Structures are given as C-alpha cells and as structure tokens.
Amino acid sequence: MSEDKQKTRATGNRSKYLKMLLILIMAVLLFGGPYAMYVVTDILHRSYRTATIGSVVMVIAGLVLMWYLIKKKILV
C-alpha cells in the first residue's frame, strides 16, 4: 500500500514540474522570444523581415501554449 502512495507522489511531483516547465516556456516565448529573435538575426546579419517573422511565430507559439494551458486548467 505504501508503494502505491510513493508512486502517486512521484507522479504528482513530475506533473508539477512539467506544469511549471510549460508555464516557463510559455512566458519565455511570449515575452523573451521577440527580443531573442531580434538579437539572433542581428548577430547572424539577417534582415529585419526575418526578425519580425520569427518574432511573430514565437508569440503565436506562446499564445497557443497559453491557450492549451488554460484549456487543461493548468493556468487559471
């Protein structure tokens, strides 16, 4: 019986860390993604259009992840 409780506790802890990781990824994509894309394109000497398109893609990915987290009631 104690083994079942330990498995449940371990699964619960893994679930907490996964939820926290998804929330951090969402925040980085939404808030840090556009700036990071601008810096990377500046370092690689790419055009401003590339930075803009990459930034929009990262923000959309962050919004999709946020929608998923809200739908699964992880983010309330």
C-alpha atoms as a PDB file:
ATOM      1  CA  MET A   1       0.000   0.000   0.000  1.00  0.00           C
ATOM      2  CA  SER A   2       2.852   2.387   0.769  1.00  0.00           C
ATOM      3  CA  GLU A   3       4.355   1.623  -2.652  1.00  0.00           C
ATOM      4  CA  ASP A   4       1.174   2.901  -4.321  1.00  0.00           C
ATOM      5  CA  LYS A   5       1.388   6.138  -2.334  1.00  0.00           C
ATOM      6  CA  GLN A   6       5.026   6.588  -3.308  1.00  0.00           C
ATOM      7  CA  LYS A   7       4.230   6.076  -6.991  1.00  0.00           C
ATOM      8  CA  THR A   8       1.367   8.573  -6.786  1.00  0.00           C
ATOM      9  CA  ARG A   9       3.575  11.094  -5.010  1.00  0.00           C
ATOM     10  CA  ALA A  10       6.367  10.674  -7.581  1.00  0.00           C
ATOM     11  CA  THR A  11       3.920  11.057 -10.449  1.00  0.00           C
ATOM     12  CA  GLY A  12       2.412  14.128  -8.780  1.00  0.00           C
ATOM     13  CA  ASN A  13       5.837  15.743  -8.381  1.00  0.00           C
ATOM     14  CA  ARG A  14       6.712  15.036 -12.008  1.00  0.00           C
ATOM     15  CA  SER A  15       3.399  16.535 -13.042  1.00  0.00           C
ATOM     16  CA  LYS A  16       4.087  19.686 -11.001  1.00  0.00           C
ATOM     17  CA  TYR A  17       7.494  20.121 -12.611  1.00  0.00           C
ATOM     18  CA  LEU A  18       6.063  19.563 -16.086  1.00  0.00           C
ATOM     19  CA  LYS A  19       3.349  22.154 -15.468  1.00  0.00           C
ATOM     20  CA  MET A  20       5.904  24.640 -14.183  1.00  0.00           C
ATOM     21  CA  LEU A  21       8.166  23.960 -17.168  1.00  0.00           C
ATOM     22  CA  LEU A  22       5.300  24.541 -19.627  1.00  0.00           C
ATOM     23  CA  ILE A  23       4.403  27.827 -17.919  1.00  0.00           C
ATOM     24  CA  LEU A  24       8.036  28.991 -18.069  1.00  0.00           C
ATOM     25  CA  ILE A  25       8.302  28.056 -21.744  1.00  0.00           C
ATOM     26  CA  MET A  26       5.101  29.982 -22.437  1.00  0.00           C
ATOM     27  CA  ALA A  27       6.444  33.069 -20.652  1.00  0.00           C
ATOM     28  CA  VAL A  28       9.769  32.908 -22.499  1.00  0.00           C
ATOM     29  CA  LEU A  29       8.036  32.541 -25.864  1.00  0.00           C
ATOM     30  CA  LEU A  30       5.643  35.414 -25.213  1.00  0.00           C
ATOM     31  CA  PHE A  31       7.969  37.915 -23.578  1.00  0.00           C
ATOM     32  CA  GLY A  32      11.524  36.929 -24.450  1.00  0.00           C
ATOM     33  CA  GLY A  33      11.017  35.369 -27.853  1.00  0.00           C
ATOM     34  CA  PRO A  34      10.738  38.541 -29.930  1.00  0.00           C
ATOM     35  CA  TYR A  35      13.810  40.107 -28.338  1.00  0.00           C
ATOM     36  CA  ALA A  36      15.832  36.908 -28.656  1.00  0.00           C
ATOM     37  CA  MET A  37      14.886  36.605 -32.325  1.00  0.00           C
ATOM     38  CA  TYR A  38      15.963  40.194 -32.931  1.00  0.00           C
ATOM     39  CA  VAL A  39      19.330  39.580 -31.241  1.00  0.00           C
ATOM     40  CA  VAL A  40      19.933  36.330 -33.142  1.00  0.00           C
ATOM     41  CA  THR A  41      19.117  37.886 -36.504  1.00  0.00           C
ATOM     42  CA  ASP A  42      21.364  40.847 -35.674  1.00  0.00           C
ATOM     43  CA  ILE A  43      24.254  38.518 -34.801  1.00  0.00           C
ATOM     44  CA  LEU A  44      23.714  36.463 -37.973  1.00  0.00           C
ATOM     45  CA  HIS A  45      23.345  39.642 -40.074  1.00  0.00           C
ATOM     46  CA  ARG A  46      19.885  38.731 -41.356  1.00  0.00           C
ATOM     47  CA  SER A  47      17.189  41.142 -42.461  1.00  0.00           C
ATOM     48  CA  TYR A  48      14.691  42.898 -40.247  1.00  0.00           C
ATOM     49  CA  ARG A  49      11.924  40.971 -42.005  1.00  0.00           C
ATOM     50  CA  THR A  50      13.394  37.688 -40.754  1.00  0.00           C
ATOM     51  CA  ALA A  51      13.410  39.011 -37.176  1.00  0.00           C
ATOM     52  CA  THR A  52       9.811  40.174 -37.475  1.00  0.00           C
ATOM     53  CA  ILE A  53       8.553  36.892 -38.919  1.00  0.00           C
ATOM     54  CA  GLY A  54      10.439  34.868 -36.310  1.00  0.00           C
ATOM     55  CA  SER A  55       9.116  37.058 -33.508  1.00  0.00           C
ATOM     56  CA  VAL A  56       5.535  36.692 -34.698  1.00  0.00           C
ATOM     57  CA  VAL A  57       5.958  32.909 -34.898  1.00  0.00           C
ATOM     58  CA  MET A  58       7.301  32.795 -31.331  1.00  0.00           C
ATOM     59  CA  VAL A  59       4.459  34.936 -29.979  1.00  0.00           C
ATOM     60  CA  ILE A  60       1.887  32.762 -31.764  1.00  0.00           C
ATOM     61  CA  ALA A  61       3.539  29.631 -30.323  1.00  0.00           C
ATOM     62  CA  GLY A  62       3.374  31.208 -26.848  1.00  0.00           C
ATOM     63  CA  LEU A  63      -0.304  32.080 -27.314  1.00  0.00           C
ATOM     64  CA  VAL A  64      -1.118  28.555 -28.493  1.00  0.00           C
ATOM     65  CA  LEU A  65       0.676  27.120 -25.466  1.00  0.00           C
ATOM     66  CA  MET A  66      -1.181  29.550 -23.195  1.00  0.00           C
ATOM     67  CA  TRP A  67      -4.498  28.517 -24.759  1.00  0.00           C
ATOM     68  CA  TYR A  68      -3.604  24.856 -24.174  1.00  0.00           C
ATOM     69  CA  LEU A  69      -2.693  25.512 -20.536  1.00  0.00           C
ATOM     70  CA  ILE A  70      -5.923  27.414 -19.926  1.00  0.00           C
ATOM     71  CA  LYS A  71      -7.976  24.702 -21.632  1.00  0.00           C
ATOM     72  CA  LYS A  72      -6.366  22.000 -19.450  1.00  0.00           C
ATOM     73  CA  LYS A  73      -6.956  24.241 -16.370  1.00  0.00           C
ATOM     74  CA  ILE A  74      -3.264  24.319 -15.562  1.00  0.00           C
ATOM     75  CA  LEU A  75      -3.196  28.091 -15.910  1.00  0.00           C
ATOM     76  CA  VAL A  76      -6.179  29.788 -14.319  1.00  0.00           C
END
